[in-house]
Amino acid sequence: LSVGEFRRLAEVAMTDIWQRGKVAF
């Protein structure tokens, strides 16, 4: 898993968390 792919997956996770009104840690 490249760092670039990690960043992409992290951004997907953050978007999901924010859309549900939560805080991303």
PDBML (XML) file of the C-alpha atoms, coordinates in Angstrom:
<?xml version="1.0" encoding="UTF-8" ?>
<PDBx:datablock datablockName="MODEL"
   xmlns:PDBx="http://pdbml.pdb.org/schema/pdbx-v50.xsd"
   xmlns:xsi="http://www.w3.org/2001/XMLSchema-instance"
   xsi:schemaLocation="http://pdbml.pdb.org/schema/pdbx-v50.xsd pdbx-v50.xsd">
   <PDBx:atom_siteCategory>
      <PDBx:atom_site id="1">
         <PDBx:B_iso_or_equiv>0.00</PDBx:B_iso_or_equiv>
         <PDBx:Cartn_x>0.000</PDBx:Cartn_x>
         <PDBx:Cartn_y>0.000</PDBx:Cartn_y>
         <PDBx:Cartn_z>0.000</PDBx:Cartn_z>
         <PDBx:auth_asym_id>A</PDBx:auth_asym_id>
         <PDBx:auth_atom_id>CA</PDBx:auth_atom_id>
         <PDBx:auth_comp_id>LEU</PDBx:auth_comp_id>
         <PDBx:auth_seq_id>1</PDBx:auth_seq_id>
         <PDBx:group_PDB>ATOM</PDBx:group_PDB>
         <PDBx:label_alt_id xsi:nil="true" />
         <PDBx:label_asym_id>A</PDBx:label_asym_id>
         <PDBx:label_atom_id>CA</PDBx:label_atom_id>
         <PDBx:label_comp_id>LEU</PDBx:label_comp_id>
         <PDBx:label_entity_id>1</PDBx:label_entity_id>
         <PDBx:label_seq_id>1</PDBx:label_seq_id>
         <PDBx:occupancy>1.00</PDBx:occupancy>
         <PDBx:pdbx_PDB_model_num>1</PDBx:pdbx_PDB_model_num>
         <PDBx:type_symbol>C</PDBx:type_symbol>
      </PDBx:atom_site>
      <PDBx:atom_site id="2">
         <PDBx:B_iso_or_equiv>0.00</PDBx:B_iso_or_equiv>
         <PDBx:Cartn_x>1.658</PDBx:Cartn_x>
         <PDBx:Cartn_y>3.209</PDBx:Cartn_y>
         <PDBx:Cartn_z>-1.160</PDBx:Cartn_z>
         <PDBx:auth_asym_id>A</PDBx:auth_asym_id>
         <PDBx:auth_atom_id>CA</PDBx:auth_atom_id>
         <PDBx:auth_comp_id>SER</PDBx:auth_comp_id>
         <PDBx:auth_seq_id>2</PDBx:auth_seq_id>
         <PDBx:group_PDB>ATOM</PDBx:group_PDB>
         <PDBx:label_alt_id xsi:nil="true" />
         <PDBx:label_asym_id>A</PDBx:label_asym_id>
         <PDBx:label_atom_id>CA</PDBx:label_atom_id>
         <PDBx:label_comp_id>SER</PDBx:label_comp_id>
         <PDBx:label_entity_id>1</PDBx:label_entity_id>
         <PDBx:label_seq_id>2</PDBx:label_seq_id>
         <PDBx:occupancy>1.00</PDBx:occupancy>
         <PDBx:pdbx_PDB_model_num>1</PDBx:pdbx_PDB_model_num>
         <PDBx:type_symbol>C</PDBx:type_symbol>
      </PDBx:atom_site>
      <PDBx:atom_site id="3">
         <PDBx:B_iso_or_equiv>0.00</PDBx:B_iso_or_equiv>
         <PDBx:Cartn_x>1.541</PDBx:Cartn_x>
         <PDBx:Cartn_y>6.427</PDBx:Cartn_y>
         <PDBx:Cartn_z>0.834</PDBx:Cartn_z>
         <PDBx:auth_asym_id>A</PDBx:auth_asym_id>
         <PDBx:auth_atom_id>CA</PDBx:auth_atom_id>
         <PDBx:auth_comp_id>VAL</PDBx:auth_comp_id>
         <PDBx:auth_seq_id>3</PDBx:auth_seq_id>
         <PDBx:group_PDB>ATOM</PDBx:group_PDB>
         <PDBx:label_alt_id xsi:nil="true" />
         <PDBx:label_asym_id>A</PDBx:label_asym_id>
         <PDBx:label_atom_id>CA</PDBx:label_atom_id>
         <PDBx:label_comp_id>VAL</PDBx:label_comp_id>
         <PDBx:label_entity_id>1</PDBx:label_entity_id>
         <PDBx:label_seq_id>3</PDBx:label_seq_id>
         <PDBx:occupancy>1.00</PDBx:occupancy>
         <PDBx:pdbx_PDB_model_num>1</PDBx:pdbx_PDB_model_num>
         <PDBx:type_symbol>C</PDBx:type_symbol>
      </PDBx:atom_site>
      <PDBx:atom_site id="4">
         <PDBx:B_iso_or_equiv>0.00</PDBx:B_iso_or_equiv>
         <PDBx:Cartn_x>-0.472</PDBx:Cartn_x>
         <PDBx:Cartn_y>7.973</PDBx:Cartn_y>
         <PDBx:Cartn_z>-1.981</PDBx:Cartn_z>
         <PDBx:auth_asym_id>A</PDBx:auth_asym_id>
         <PDBx:auth_atom_id>CA</PDBx:auth_atom_id>
         <PDBx:auth_comp_id>GLY</PDBx:auth_comp_id>
         <PDBx:auth_seq_id>4</PDBx:auth_seq_id>
         <PDBx:group_PDB>ATOM</PDBx:group_PDB>
         <PDBx:label_alt_id xsi:nil="true" />
         <PDBx:label_asym_id>A</PDBx:label_asym_id>
         <PDBx:label_atom_id>CA</PDBx:label_atom_id>
         <PDBx:label_comp_id>GLY</PDBx:label_comp_id>
         <PDBx:label_entity_id>1</PDBx:label_entity_id>
         <PDBx:label_seq_id>4</PDBx:label_seq_id>
         <PDBx:occupancy>1.00</PDBx:occupancy>
         <PDBx:pdbx_PDB_model_num>1</PDBx:pdbx_PDB_model_num>
         <PDBx:type_symbol>C</PDBx:type_symbol>
      </PDBx:atom_site>
      <PDBx:atom_site id="5">
         <PDBx:B_iso_or_equiv>0.00</PDBx:B_iso_or_equiv>
         <PDBx:Cartn_x>-3.051</PDBx:Cartn_x>
         <PDBx:Cartn_y>5.204</PDBx:Cartn_y>
         <PDBx:Cartn_z>-1.746</PDBx:Cartn_z>
         <PDBx:auth_asym_id>A</PDBx:auth_asym_id>
         <PDBx:auth_atom_id>CA</PDBx:auth_atom_id>
         <PDBx:auth_comp_id>GLU</PDBx:auth_comp_id>
         <PDBx:auth_seq_id>5</PDBx:auth_seq_id>
         <PDBx:group_PDB>ATOM</PDBx:group_PDB>
         <PDBx:label_alt_id xsi:nil="true" />
         <PDBx:label_asym_id>A</PDBx:label_asym_id>
         <PDBx:label_atom_id>CA</PDBx:label_atom_id>
         <PDBx:label_comp_id>GLU</PDBx:label_comp_id>
         <PDBx:label_entity_id>1</PDBx:label_entity_id>
         <PDBx:label_seq_id>5</PDBx:label_seq_id>
         <PDBx:occupancy>1.00</PDBx:occupancy>
         <PDBx:pdbx_PDB_model_num>1</PDBx:pdbx_PDB_model_num>
         <PDBx:type_symbol>C</PDBx:type_symbol>
      </PDBx:atom_site>
      <PDBx:atom_site id="6">
         <PDBx:B_iso_or_equiv>0.00</PDBx:B_iso_or_equiv>
         <PDBx:Cartn_x>-3.163</PDBx:Cartn_x>
         <PDBx:Cartn_y>5.585</PDBx:Cartn_y>
         <PDBx:Cartn_z>2.030</PDBx:Cartn_z>
         <PDBx:auth_asym_id>A</PDBx:auth_asym_id>
         <PDBx:auth_atom_id>CA</PDBx:auth_atom_id>
         <PDBx:auth_comp_id>PHE</PDBx:auth_comp_id>
         <PDBx:auth_seq_id>6</PDBx:auth_seq_id>
         <PDBx:group_PDB>ATOM</PDBx:group_PDB>
         <PDBx:label_alt_id xsi:nil="true" />
         <PDBx:label_asym_id>A</PDBx:label_asym_id>
         <PDBx:label_atom_id>CA</PDBx:label_atom_id>
         <PDBx:label_comp_id>PHE</PDBx:label_comp_id>
         <PDBx:label_entity_id>1</PDBx:label_entity_id>
         <PDBx:label_seq_id>6</PDBx:label_seq_id>
         <PDBx:occupancy>1.00</PDBx:occupancy>
         <PDBx:pdbx_PDB_model_num>1</PDBx:pdbx_PDB_model_num>
         <PDBx:type_symbol>C</PDBx:type_symbol>
      </PDBx:atom_site>
      <PDBx:atom_site id="7">
         <PDBx:B_iso_or_equiv>0.00</PDBx:B_iso_or_equiv>
         <PDBx:Cartn_x>-3.898</PDBx:Cartn_x>
         <PDBx:Cartn_y>9.288</PDBx:Cartn_y>
         <PDBx:Cartn_z>1.612</PDBx:Cartn_z>
         <PDBx:auth_asym_id>A</PDBx:auth_asym_id>
         <PDBx:auth_atom_id>CA</PDBx:auth_atom_id>
         <PDBx:auth_comp_id>ARG</PDBx:auth_comp_id>
         <PDBx:auth_seq_id>7</PDBx:auth_seq_id>
         <PDBx:group_PDB>ATOM</PDBx:group_PDB>
         <PDBx:label_alt_id xsi:nil="true" />
         <PDBx:label_asym_id>A</PDBx:label_asym_id>
         <PDBx:label_atom_id>CA</PDBx:label_atom_id>
         <PDBx:label_comp_id>ARG</PDBx:label_comp_id>
         <PDBx:label_entity_id>1</PDBx:label_entity_id>
         <PDBx:label_seq_id>7</PDBx:label_seq_id>
         <PDBx:occupancy>1.00</PDBx:occupancy>
         <PDBx:pdbx_PDB_model_num>1</PDBx:pdbx_PDB_model_num>
         <PDBx:type_symbol>C</PDBx:type_symbol>
      </PDBx:atom_site>
      <PDBx:atom_site id="8">
         <PDBx:B_iso_or_equiv>0.00</PDBx:B_iso_or_equiv>
         <PDBx:Cartn_x>-6.732</PDBx:Cartn_x>
         <PDBx:Cartn_y>8.522</PDBx:Cartn_y>
         <PDBx:Cartn_z>-0.812</PDBx:Cartn_z>
         <PDBx:auth_asym_id>A</PDBx:auth_asym_id>
         <PDBx:auth_atom_id>CA</PDBx:auth_atom_id>
         <PDBx:auth_comp_id>ARG</PDBx:auth_comp_id>
         <PDBx:auth_seq_id>8</PDBx:auth_seq_id>
         <PDBx:group_PDB>ATOM</PDBx:group_PDB>
         <PDBx:label_alt_id xsi:nil="true" />
         <PDBx:label_asym_id>A</PDBx:label_asym_id>
         <PDBx:label_atom_id>CA</PDBx:label_atom_id>
         <PDBx:label_comp_id>ARG</PDBx:label_comp_id>
         <PDBx:label_entity_id>1</PDBx:label_entity_id>
         <PDBx:label_seq_id>8</PDBx:label_seq_id>
         <PDBx:occupancy>1.00</PDBx:occupancy>
         <PDBx:pdbx_PDB_model_num>1</PDBx:pdbx_PDB_model_num>
         <PDBx:type_symbol>C</PDBx:type_symbol>
      </PDBx:atom_site>
      <PDBx:atom_site id="9">
         <PDBx:B_iso_or_equiv>0.00</PDBx:B_iso_or_equiv>
         <PDBx:Cartn_x>-8.298</PDBx:Cartn_x>
         <PDBx:Cartn_y>5.996</PDBx:Cartn_y>
         <PDBx:Cartn_z>1.571</PDBx:Cartn_z>
         <PDBx:auth_asym_id>A</PDBx:auth_asym_id>
         <PDBx:auth_atom_id>CA</PDBx:auth_atom_id>
         <PDBx:auth_comp_id>LEU</PDBx:auth_comp_id>
         <PDBx:auth_seq_id>9</PDBx:auth_seq_id>
         <PDBx:group_PDB>ATOM</PDBx:group_PDB>
         <PDBx:label_alt_id xsi:nil="true" />
         <PDBx:label_asym_id>A</PDBx:label_asym_id>
         <PDBx:label_atom_id>CA</PDBx:label_atom_id>
         <PDBx:label_comp_id>LEU</PDBx:label_comp_id>
         <PDBx:label_entity_id>1</PDBx:label_entity_id>
         <PDBx:label_seq_id>9</PDBx:label_seq_id>
         <PDBx:occupancy>1.00</PDBx:occupancy>
         <PDBx:pdbx_PDB_model_num>1</PDBx:pdbx_PDB_model_num>
         <PDBx:type_symbol>C</PDBx:type_symbol>
      </PDBx:atom_site>
      <PDBx:atom_site id="10">
         <PDBx:B_iso_or_equiv>0.00</PDBx:B_iso_or_equiv>
         <PDBx:Cartn_x>-7.909</PDBx:Cartn_x>
         <PDBx:Cartn_y>8.393</PDBx:Cartn_y>
         <PDBx:Cartn_z>4.502</PDBx:Cartn_z>
         <PDBx:auth_asym_id>A</PDBx:auth_asym_id>
         <PDBx:auth_atom_id>CA</PDBx:auth_atom_id>
         <PDBx:auth_comp_id>ALA</PDBx:auth_comp_id>
         <PDBx:auth_seq_id>10</PDBx:auth_seq_id>
         <PDBx:group_PDB>ATOM</PDBx:group_PDB>
         <PDBx:label_alt_id xsi:nil="true" />
         <PDBx:label_asym_id>A</PDBx:label_asym_id>
         <PDBx:label_atom_id>CA</PDBx:label_atom_id>
         <PDBx:label_comp_id>ALA</PDBx:label_comp_id>
         <PDBx:label_entity_id>1</PDBx:label_entity_id>
         <PDBx:label_seq_id>10</PDBx:label_seq_id>
         <PDBx:occupancy>1.00</PDBx:occupancy>
         <PDBx:pdbx_PDB_model_num>1</PDBx:pdbx_PDB_model_num>
         <PDBx:type_symbol>C</PDBx:type_symbol>
      </PDBx:atom_site>
      <PDBx:atom_site id="11">
         <PDBx:B_iso_or_equiv>0.00</PDBx:B_iso_or_equiv>
         <PDBx:Cartn_x>-9.700</PDBx:Cartn_x>
         <PDBx:Cartn_y>11.136</PDBx:Cartn_y>
         <PDBx:Cartn_z>2.574</PDBx:Cartn_z>
         <PDBx:auth_asym_id>A</PDBx:auth_asym_id>
         <PDBx:auth_atom_id>CA</PDBx:auth_atom_id>
         <PDBx:auth_comp_id>GLU</PDBx:auth_comp_id>
         <PDBx:auth_seq_id>11</PDBx:auth_seq_id>
         <PDBx:group_PDB>ATOM</PDBx:group_PDB>
         <PDBx:label_alt_id xsi:nil="true" />
         <PDBx:label_asym_id>A</PDBx:label_asym_id>
         <PDBx:label_atom_id>CA</PDBx:label_atom_id>
         <PDBx:label_comp_id>GLU</PDBx:label_comp_id>
         <PDBx:label_entity_id>1</PDBx:label_entity_id>
         <PDBx:label_seq_id>11</PDBx:label_seq_id>
         <PDBx:occupancy>1.00</PDBx:occupancy>
         <PDBx:pdbx_PDB_model_num>1</PDBx:pdbx_PDB_model_num>
         <PDBx:type_symbol>C</PDBx:type_symbol>
      </PDBx:atom_site>
      <PDBx:atom_site id="12">
         <PDBx:B_iso_or_equiv>0.00</PDBx:B_iso_or_equiv>
         <PDBx:Cartn_x>-12.585</PDBx:Cartn_x>
         <PDBx:Cartn_y>8.760</PDBx:Cartn_y>
         <PDBx:Cartn_z>1.803</PDBx:Cartn_z>
         <PDBx:auth_asym_id>A</PDBx:auth_asym_id>
         <PDBx:auth_atom_id>CA</PDBx:auth_atom_id>
         <PDBx:auth_comp_id>VAL</PDBx:auth_comp_id>
         <PDBx:auth_seq_id>12</PDBx:auth_seq_id>
         <PDBx:group_PDB>ATOM</PDBx:group_PDB>
         <PDBx:label_alt_id xsi:nil="true" />
         <PDBx:label_asym_id>A</PDBx:label_asym_id>
         <PDBx:label_atom_id>CA</PDBx:label_atom_id>
         <PDBx:label_comp_id>VAL</PDBx:label_comp_id>
         <PDBx:label_entity_id>1</PDBx:label_entity_id>
         <PDBx:label_seq_id>12</PDBx:label_seq_id>
         <PDBx:occupancy>1.00</PDBx:occupancy>
         <PDBx:pdbx_PDB_model_num>1</PDBx:pdbx_PDB_model_num>
         <PDBx:type_symbol>C</PDBx:type_symbol>
      </PDBx:atom_site>
      <PDBx:atom_site id="13">
         <PDBx:B_iso_or_equiv>0.00</PDBx:B_iso_or_equiv>
         <PDBx:Cartn_x>-12.815</PDBx:Cartn_x>
         <PDBx:Cartn_y>7.875</PDBx:Cartn_y>
         <PDBx:Cartn_z>5.498</PDBx:Cartn_z>
         <PDBx:auth_asym_id>A</PDBx:auth_asym_id>
         <PDBx:auth_atom_id>CA</PDBx:auth_atom_id>
         <PDBx:auth_comp_id>ALA</PDBx:auth_comp_id>
         <PDBx:auth_seq_id>13</PDBx:auth_seq_id>
         <PDBx:group_PDB>ATOM</PDBx:group_PDB>
         <PDBx:label_alt_id xsi:nil="true" />
         <PDBx:label_asym_id>A</PDBx:label_asym_id>
         <PDBx:label_atom_id>CA</PDBx:label_atom_id>
         <PDBx:label_comp_id>ALA</PDBx:label_comp_id>
         <PDBx:label_entity_id>1</PDBx:label_entity_id>
         <PDBx:label_seq_id>13</PDBx:label_seq_id>
         <PDBx:occupancy>1.00</PDBx:occupancy>
         <PDBx:pdbx_PDB_model_num>1</PDBx:pdbx_PDB_model_num>
         <PDBx:type_symbol>C</PDBx:type_symbol>
      </PDBx:atom_site>
      <PDBx:atom_site id="14">
         <PDBx:B_iso_or_equiv>0.00</PDBx:B_iso_or_equiv>
         <PDBx:Cartn_x>-12.696</PDBx:Cartn_x>
         <PDBx:Cartn_y>11.533</PDBx:Cartn_y>
         <PDBx:Cartn_z>6.586</PDBx:Cartn_z>
         <PDBx:auth_asym_id>A</PDBx:auth_asym_id>
         <PDBx:auth_atom_id>CA</PDBx:auth_atom_id>
         <PDBx:auth_comp_id>MET</PDBx:auth_comp_id>
         <PDBx:auth_seq_id>14</PDBx:auth_seq_id>
         <PDBx:group_PDB>ATOM</PDBx:group_PDB>
         <PDBx:label_alt_id xsi:nil="true" />
         <PDBx:label_asym_id>A</PDBx:label_asym_id>
         <PDBx:label_atom_id>CA</PDBx:label_atom_id>
         <PDBx:label_comp_id>MET</PDBx:label_comp_id>
         <PDBx:label_entity_id>1</PDBx:label_entity_id>
         <PDBx:label_seq_id>14</PDBx:label_seq_id>
         <PDBx:occupancy>1.00</PDBx:occupancy>
         <PDBx:pdbx_PDB_model_num>1</PDBx:pdbx_PDB_model_num>
         <PDBx:type_symbol>C</PDBx:type_symbol>
      </PDBx:atom_site>
      <PDBx:atom_site id="15">
         <PDBx:B_iso_or_equiv>0.00</PDBx:B_iso_or_equiv>
         <PDBx:Cartn_x>-15.466</PDBx:Cartn_x>
         <PDBx:Cartn_y>12.486</PDBx:Cartn_y>
         <PDBx:Cartn_z>4.167</PDBx:Cartn_z>
         <PDBx:auth_asym_id>A</PDBx:auth_asym_id>
         <PDBx:auth_atom_id>CA</PDBx:auth_atom_id>
         <PDBx:auth_comp_id>THR</PDBx:auth_comp_id>
         <PDBx:auth_seq_id>15</PDBx:auth_seq_id>
         <PDBx:group_PDB>ATOM</PDBx:group_PDB>
         <PDBx:label_alt_id xsi:nil="true" />
         <PDBx:label_asym_id>A</PDBx:label_asym_id>
         <PDBx:label_atom_id>CA</PDBx:label_atom_id>
         <PDBx:label_comp_id>THR</PDBx:label_comp_id>
         <PDBx:label_entity_id>1</PDBx:label_entity_id>
         <PDBx:label_seq_id>15</PDBx:label_seq_id>
         <PDBx:occupancy>1.00</PDBx:occupancy>
         <PDBx:pdbx_PDB_model_num>1</PDBx:pdbx_PDB_model_num>
         <PDBx:type_symbol>C</PDBx:type_symbol>
      </PDBx:atom_site>
      <PDBx:atom_site id="16">
         <PDBx:B_iso_or_equiv>0.00</PDBx:B_iso_or_equiv>
         <PDBx:Cartn_x>-17.625</PDBx:Cartn_x>
         <PDBx:Cartn_y>9.675</PDBx:Cartn_y>
         <PDBx:Cartn_z>5.497</PDBx:Cartn_z>
         <PDBx:auth_asym_id>A</PDBx:auth_asym_id>
         <PDBx:auth_atom_id>CA</PDBx:auth_atom_id>
         <PDBx:auth_comp_id>ASP</PDBx:auth_comp_id>
         <PDBx:auth_seq_id>16</PDBx:auth_seq_id>
         <PDBx:group_PDB>ATOM</PDBx:group_PDB>
         <PDBx:label_alt_id xsi:nil="true" />
         <PDBx:label_asym_id>A</PDBx:label_asym_id>
         <PDBx:label_atom_id>CA</PDBx:label_atom_id>
         <PDBx:label_comp_id>ASP</PDBx:label_comp_id>
         <PDBx:label_entity_id>1</PDBx:label_entity_id>
         <PDBx:label_seq_id>16</PDBx:label_seq_id>
         <PDBx:occupancy>1.00</PDBx:occupancy>
         <PDBx:pdbx_PDB_model_num>1</PDBx:pdbx_PDB_model_num>
         <PDBx:type_symbol>C</PDBx:type_symbol>
      </PDBx:atom_site>
      <PDBx:atom_site id="17">
         <PDBx:B_iso_or_equiv>0.00</PDBx:B_iso_or_equiv>
         <PDBx:Cartn_x>-16.987</PDBx:Cartn_x>
         <PDBx:Cartn_y>10.727</PDBx:Cartn_y>
         <PDBx:Cartn_z>9.109</PDBx:Cartn_z>
         <PDBx:auth_asym_id>A</PDBx:auth_asym_id>
         <PDBx:auth_atom_id>CA</PDBx:auth_atom_id>
         <PDBx:auth_comp_id>ILE</PDBx:auth_comp_id>
         <PDBx:auth_seq_id>17</PDBx:auth_seq_id>
         <PDBx:group_PDB>ATOM</PDBx:group_PDB>
         <PDBx:label_alt_id xsi:nil="true" />
         <PDBx:label_asym_id>A</PDBx:label_asym_id>
         <PDBx:label_atom_id>CA</PDBx:label_atom_id>
         <PDBx:label_comp_id>ILE</PDBx:label_comp_id>
         <PDBx:label_entity_id>1</PDBx:label_entity_id>
         <PDBx:label_seq_id>17</PDBx:label_seq_id>
         <PDBx:occupancy>1.00</PDBx:occupancy>
         <PDBx:pdbx_PDB_model_num>1</PDBx:pdbx_PDB_model_num>
         <PDBx:type_symbol>C</PDBx:type_symbol>
      </PDBx:atom_site>
      <PDBx:atom_site id="18">
         <PDBx:B_iso_or_equiv>0.00</PDBx:B_iso_or_equiv>
         <PDBx:Cartn_x>-17.743</PDBx:Cartn_x>
         <PDBx:Cartn_y>14.405</PDBx:Cartn_y>
         <PDBx:Cartn_z>8.428</PDBx:Cartn_z>
         <PDBx:auth_asym_id>A</PDBx:auth_asym_id>
         <PDBx:auth_atom_id>CA</PDBx:auth_atom_id>
         <PDBx:auth_comp_id>TRP</PDBx:auth_comp_id>
         <PDBx:auth_seq_id>18</PDBx:auth_seq_id>
         <PDBx:group_PDB>ATOM</PDBx:group_PDB>
         <PDBx:label_alt_id xsi:nil="true" />
         <PDBx:label_asym_id>A</PDBx:label_asym_id>
         <PDBx:label_atom_id>CA</PDBx:label_atom_id>
         <PDBx:label_comp_id>TRP</PDBx:label_comp_id>
         <PDBx:label_entity_id>1</PDBx:label_entity_id>
         <PDBx:label_seq_id>18</PDBx:label_seq_id>
         <PDBx:occupancy>1.00</PDBx:occupancy>
         <PDBx:pdbx_PDB_model_num>1</PDBx:pdbx_PDB_model_num>
         <PDBx:type_symbol>C</PDBx:type_symbol>
      </PDBx:atom_site>
      <PDBx:atom_site id="19">
         <PDBx:B_iso_or_equiv>0.00</PDBx:B_iso_or_equiv>
         <PDBx:Cartn_x>-20.928</PDBx:Cartn_x>
         <PDBx:Cartn_y>13.618</PDBx:Cartn_y>
         <PDBx:Cartn_z>6.494</PDBx:Cartn_z>
         <PDBx:auth_asym_id>A</PDBx:auth_asym_id>
         <PDBx:auth_atom_id>CA</PDBx:auth_atom_id>
         <PDBx:auth_comp_id>GLN</PDBx:auth_comp_id>
         <PDBx:auth_seq_id>19</PDBx:auth_seq_id>
         <PDBx:group_PDB>ATOM</PDBx:group_PDB>
         <PDBx:label_alt_id xsi:nil="true" />
         <PDBx:label_asym_id>A</PDBx:label_asym_id>
         <PDBx:label_atom_id>CA</PDBx:label_atom_id>
         <PDBx:label_comp_id>GLN</PDBx:label_comp_id>
         <PDBx:label_entity_id>1</PDBx:label_entity_id>
         <PDBx:label_seq_id>19</PDBx:label_seq_id>
         <PDBx:occupancy>1.00</PDBx:occupancy>
         <PDBx:pdbx_PDB_model_num>1</PDBx:pdbx_PDB_model_num>
         <PDBx:type_symbol>C</PDBx:type_symbol>
      </PDBx:atom_site>
      <PDBx:atom_site id="20">
         <PDBx:B_iso_or_equiv>0.00</PDBx:B_iso_or_equiv>
         <PDBx:Cartn_x>-22.228</PDBx:Cartn_x>
         <PDBx:Cartn_y>11.916</PDBx:Cartn_y>
         <PDBx:Cartn_z>9.632</PDBx:Cartn_z>
         <PDBx:auth_asym_id>A</PDBx:auth_asym_id>
         <PDBx:auth_atom_id>CA</PDBx:auth_atom_id>
         <PDBx:auth_comp_id>ARG</PDBx:auth_comp_id>
         <PDBx:auth_seq_id>20</PDBx:auth_seq_id>
         <PDBx:group_PDB>ATOM</PDBx:group_PDB>
         <PDBx:label_alt_id xsi:nil="true" />
         <PDBx:label_asym_id>A</PDBx:label_asym_id>
         <PDBx:label_atom_id>CA</PDBx:label_atom_id>
         <PDBx:label_comp_id>ARG</PDBx:label_comp_id>
         <PDBx:label_entity_id>1</PDBx:label_entity_id>
         <PDBx:label_seq_id>20</PDBx:label_seq_id>
         <PDBx:occupancy>1.00</PDBx:occupancy>
         <PDBx:pdbx_PDB_model_num>1</PDBx:pdbx_PDB_model_num>
         <PDBx:type_symbol>C</PDBx:type_symbol>
      </PDBx:atom_site>
      <PDBx:atom_site id="21">
         <PDBx:B_iso_or_equiv>0.00</PDBx:B_iso_or_equiv>
         <PDBx:Cartn_x>-21.465</PDBx:Cartn_x>
         <PDBx:Cartn_y>14.992</PDBx:Cartn_y>
         <PDBx:Cartn_z>11.714</PDBx:Cartn_z>
         <PDBx:auth_asym_id>A</PDBx:auth_asym_id>
         <PDBx:auth_atom_id>CA</PDBx:auth_atom_id>
         <PDBx:auth_comp_id>GLY</PDBx:auth_comp_id>
         <PDBx:auth_seq_id>21</PDBx:auth_seq_id>
         <PDBx:group_PDB>ATOM</PDBx:group_PDB>
         <PDBx:label_alt_id xsi:nil="true" />
         <PDBx:label_asym_id>A</PDBx:label_asym_id>
         <PDBx:label_atom_id>CA</PDBx:label_atom_id>
         <PDBx:label_comp_id>GLY</PDBx:label_comp_id>
         <PDBx:label_entity_id>1</PDBx:label_entity_id>
         <PDBx:label_seq_id>21</PDBx:label_seq_id>
         <PDBx:occupancy>1.00</PDBx:occupancy>
         <PDBx:pdbx_PDB_model_num>1</PDBx:pdbx_PDB_model_num>
         <PDBx:type_symbol>C</PDBx:type_symbol>
      </PDBx:atom_site>
      <PDBx:atom_site id="22">
         <PDBx:B_iso_or_equiv>0.00</PDBx:B_iso_or_equiv>
         <PDBx:Cartn_x>-18.520</PDBx:Cartn_x>
         <PDBx:Cartn_y>13.494</PDBx:Cartn_y>
         <PDBx:Cartn_z>13.565</PDBx:Cartn_z>
         <PDBx:auth_asym_id>A</PDBx:auth_asym_id>
         <PDBx:auth_atom_id>CA</PDBx:auth_atom_id>
         <PDBx:auth_comp_id>LYS</PDBx:auth_comp_id>
         <PDBx:auth_seq_id>22</PDBx:auth_seq_id>
         <PDBx:group_PDB>ATOM</PDBx:group_PDB>
         <PDBx:label_alt_id xsi:nil="true" />
         <PDBx:label_asym_id>A</PDBx:label_asym_id>
         <PDBx:label_atom_id>CA</PDBx:label_atom_id>
         <PDBx:label_comp_id>LYS</PDBx:label_comp_id>
         <PDBx:label_entity_id>1</PDBx:label_entity_id>
         <PDBx:label_seq_id>22</PDBx:label_seq_id>
         <PDBx:occupancy>1.00</PDBx:occupancy>
         <PDBx:pdbx_PDB_model_num>1</PDBx:pdbx_PDB_model_num>
         <PDBx:type_symbol>C</PDBx:type_symbol>
      </PDBx:atom_site>
      <PDBx:atom_site id="23">
         <PDBx:B_iso_or_equiv>0.00</PDBx:B_iso_or_equiv>
         <PDBx:Cartn_x>-14.913</PDBx:Cartn_x>
         <PDBx:Cartn_y>14.493</PDBx:Cartn_y>
         <PDBx:Cartn_z>14.267</PDBx:Cartn_z>
         <PDBx:auth_asym_id>A</PDBx:auth_asym_id>
         <PDBx:auth_atom_id>CA</PDBx:auth_atom_id>
         <PDBx:auth_comp_id>VAL</PDBx:auth_comp_id>
         <PDBx:auth_seq_id>23</PDBx:auth_seq_id>
         <PDBx:group_PDB>ATOM</PDBx:group_PDB>
         <PDBx:label_alt_id xsi:nil="true" />
         <PDBx:label_asym_id>A</PDBx:label_asym_id>
         <PDBx:label_atom_id>CA</PDBx:label_atom_id>
         <PDBx:label_comp_id>VAL</PDBx:label_comp_id>
         <PDBx:label_entity_id>1</PDBx:label_entity_id>
         <PDBx:label_seq_id>23</PDBx:label_seq_id>
         <PDBx:occupancy>1.00</PDBx:occupancy>
         <PDBx:pdbx_PDB_model_num>1</PDBx:pdbx_PDB_model_num>
         <PDBx:type_symbol>C</PDBx:type_symbol>
      </PDBx:atom_site>
      <PDBx:atom_site id="24">
         <PDBx:B_iso_or_equiv>0.00</PDBx:B_iso_or_equiv>
         <PDBx:Cartn_x>-12.077</PDBx:Cartn_x>
         <PDBx:Cartn_y>12.712</PDBx:Cartn_y>
         <PDBx:Cartn_z>12.426</PDBx:Cartn_z>
         <PDBx:auth_asym_id>A</PDBx:auth_asym_id>
         <PDBx:auth_atom_id>CA</PDBx:auth_atom_id>
         <PDBx:auth_comp_id>ALA</PDBx:auth_comp_id>
         <PDBx:auth_seq_id>24</PDBx:auth_seq_id>
         <PDBx:group_PDB>ATOM</PDBx:group_PDB>
         <PDBx:label_alt_id xsi:nil="true" />
         <PDBx:label_asym_id>A</PDBx:label_asym_id>
         <PDBx:label_atom_id>CA</PDBx:label_atom_id>
         <PDBx:label_comp_id>ALA</PDBx:label_comp_id>
         <PDBx:label_entity_id>1</PDBx:label_entity_id>
         <PDBx:label_seq_id>24</PDBx:label_seq_id>
         <PDBx:occupancy>1.00</PDBx:occupancy>
         <PDBx:pdbx_PDB_model_num>1</PDBx:pdbx_PDB_model_num>
         <PDBx:type_symbol>C</PDBx:type_symbol>
      </PDBx:atom_site>
      <PDBx:atom_site id="25">
         <PDBx:B_iso_or_equiv>0.00</PDBx:B_iso_or_equiv>
         <PDBx:Cartn_x>-9.090</PDBx:Cartn_x>
         <PDBx:Cartn_y>11.669</PDBx:Cartn_y>
         <PDBx:Cartn_z>14.550</PDBx:Cartn_z>
         <PDBx:auth_asym_id>A</PDBx:auth_asym_id>
         <PDBx:auth_atom_id>CA</PDBx:auth_atom_id>
         <PDBx:auth_comp_id>PHE</PDBx:auth_comp_id>
         <PDBx:auth_seq_id>25</PDBx:auth_seq_id>
         <PDBx:group_PDB>ATOM</PDBx:group_PDB>
         <PDBx:label_alt_id xsi:nil="true" />
         <PDBx:label_asym_id>A</PDBx:label_asym_id>
         <PDBx:label_atom_id>CA</PDBx:label_atom_id>
         <PDBx:label_comp_id>PHE</PDBx:label_comp_id>
         <PDBx:label_entity_id>1</PDBx:label_entity_id>
         <PDBx:label_seq_id>25</PDBx:label_seq_id>
         <PDBx:occupancy>1.00</PDBx:occupancy>
         <PDBx:pdbx_PDB_model_num>1</PDBx:pdbx_PDB_model_num>
         <PDBx:type_symbol>C</PDBx:type_symbol>
      </PDBx:atom_site>
   </PDBx:atom_siteCategory>
</PDBx:datablock>
